[in-house]
Amino acid sequence: MKIKDLINEAESLPVEERAMVVDALLRSLNPPESGIDKKWAAVARKRLEEIRSGTVAAVPGE
């Protein structure tokens, strides 16, 4: 199968299935690293706790 044919076939899929194809392709290029994901989750939990406790103030996006 040629690349153009493959792309045309993928484009004909329903949006949910196209998203699954894109996700799989991106993961094959840049596999997730669970260690890094765990560190980011820890940082996110810490920041959320700081906001909830009032230690830091949220800044409006505008």
Protein backbone atom coordinates (compact mmCIF):
# COMPACT_ATOMS: atom_id res chain seq x y z
CA MET A 1 0.00 0.00 0.00
CA LYS A 2 1.34 3.43 -0.91
CA ILE A 3 1.50 6.22 1.64
CA LYS A 4 -1.12 8.27 -0.21
CA ASP A 5 -3.50 5.31 -0.19
CA LEU A 6 -2.89 4.78 3.50
CA ILE A 7 -3.58 8.44 4.27
CA ASN A 8 -6.74 8.41 2.17
CA GLU A 9 -7.92 5.27 3.97
CA ALA A 10 -7.21 6.82 7.37
CA GLU A 11 -9.03 10.03 6.42
CA SER A 12 -12.14 8.02 5.59
CA LEU A 13 -12.36 6.66 9.15
CA PRO A 14 -14.76 8.12 11.73
CA VAL A 15 -13.19 10.87 13.83
CA GLU A 16 -12.79 8.67 16.93
CA GLU A 17 -10.88 6.04 14.96
CA ARG A 18 -8.70 8.69 13.28
CA ALA A 19 -7.82 10.00 16.73
CA MET A 20 -6.81 6.48 17.78
CA VAL A 21 -4.58 6.16 14.68
CA VAL A 22 -2.97 9.53 15.34
CA ASP A 23 -2.38 8.69 18.99
CA ALA A 24 -0.81 5.33 18.10
CA LEU A 25 1.47 6.91 15.50
CA LEU A 26 2.59 9.69 17.84
CA ARG A 27 3.27 7.20 20.63
CA SER A 28 5.40 5.16 18.24
CA LEU A 29 7.51 8.25 17.53
CA ASN A 30 7.77 9.40 21.12
CA PRO A 31 6.91 6.61 23.57
CA PRO A 32 5.70 7.82 26.97
CA GLU A 33 8.11 7.47 29.85
CA SER A 34 6.28 6.41 33.00
CA GLY A 35 8.95 7.90 35.25
CA ILE A 36 8.49 11.33 33.76
CA ASP A 37 4.71 10.98 33.84
CA LYS A 38 4.87 10.14 37.56
CA LYS A 39 7.04 13.18 38.25
CA TRP A 40 4.65 15.50 36.35
CA ALA A 41 1.69 14.02 38.25
CA ALA A 42 3.48 14.72 41.54
CA VAL A 43 4.16 18.33 40.49
CA ALA A 44 0.51 18.78 39.46
CA ARG A 45 -0.73 17.39 42.80
CA LYS A 46 1.64 19.71 44.70
CA ARG A 47 0.50 22.76 42.73
CA LEU A 48 -3.17 21.88 43.21
CA GLU A 49 -2.64 21.52 46.95
CA GLU A 50 -0.86 24.90 47.05
CA ILE A 51 -3.83 26.56 45.34
CA ARG A 52 -6.40 24.81 47.54
CA SER A 53 -4.52 25.67 50.73
CA GLY A 54 -4.09 29.30 49.74
CA THR A 55 -0.29 29.08 49.80
CA VAL A 56 -0.27 30.51 46.28
CA ALA A 57 -2.87 32.52 44.42
CA ALA A 58 -4.14 31.67 40.96
CA VAL A 59 -3.49 34.23 38.23
CA PRO A 60 -6.34 34.90 35.77
CA GLY A 61 -5.61 33.85 32.19
CA GLU A 62 -6.50 37.23 30.71
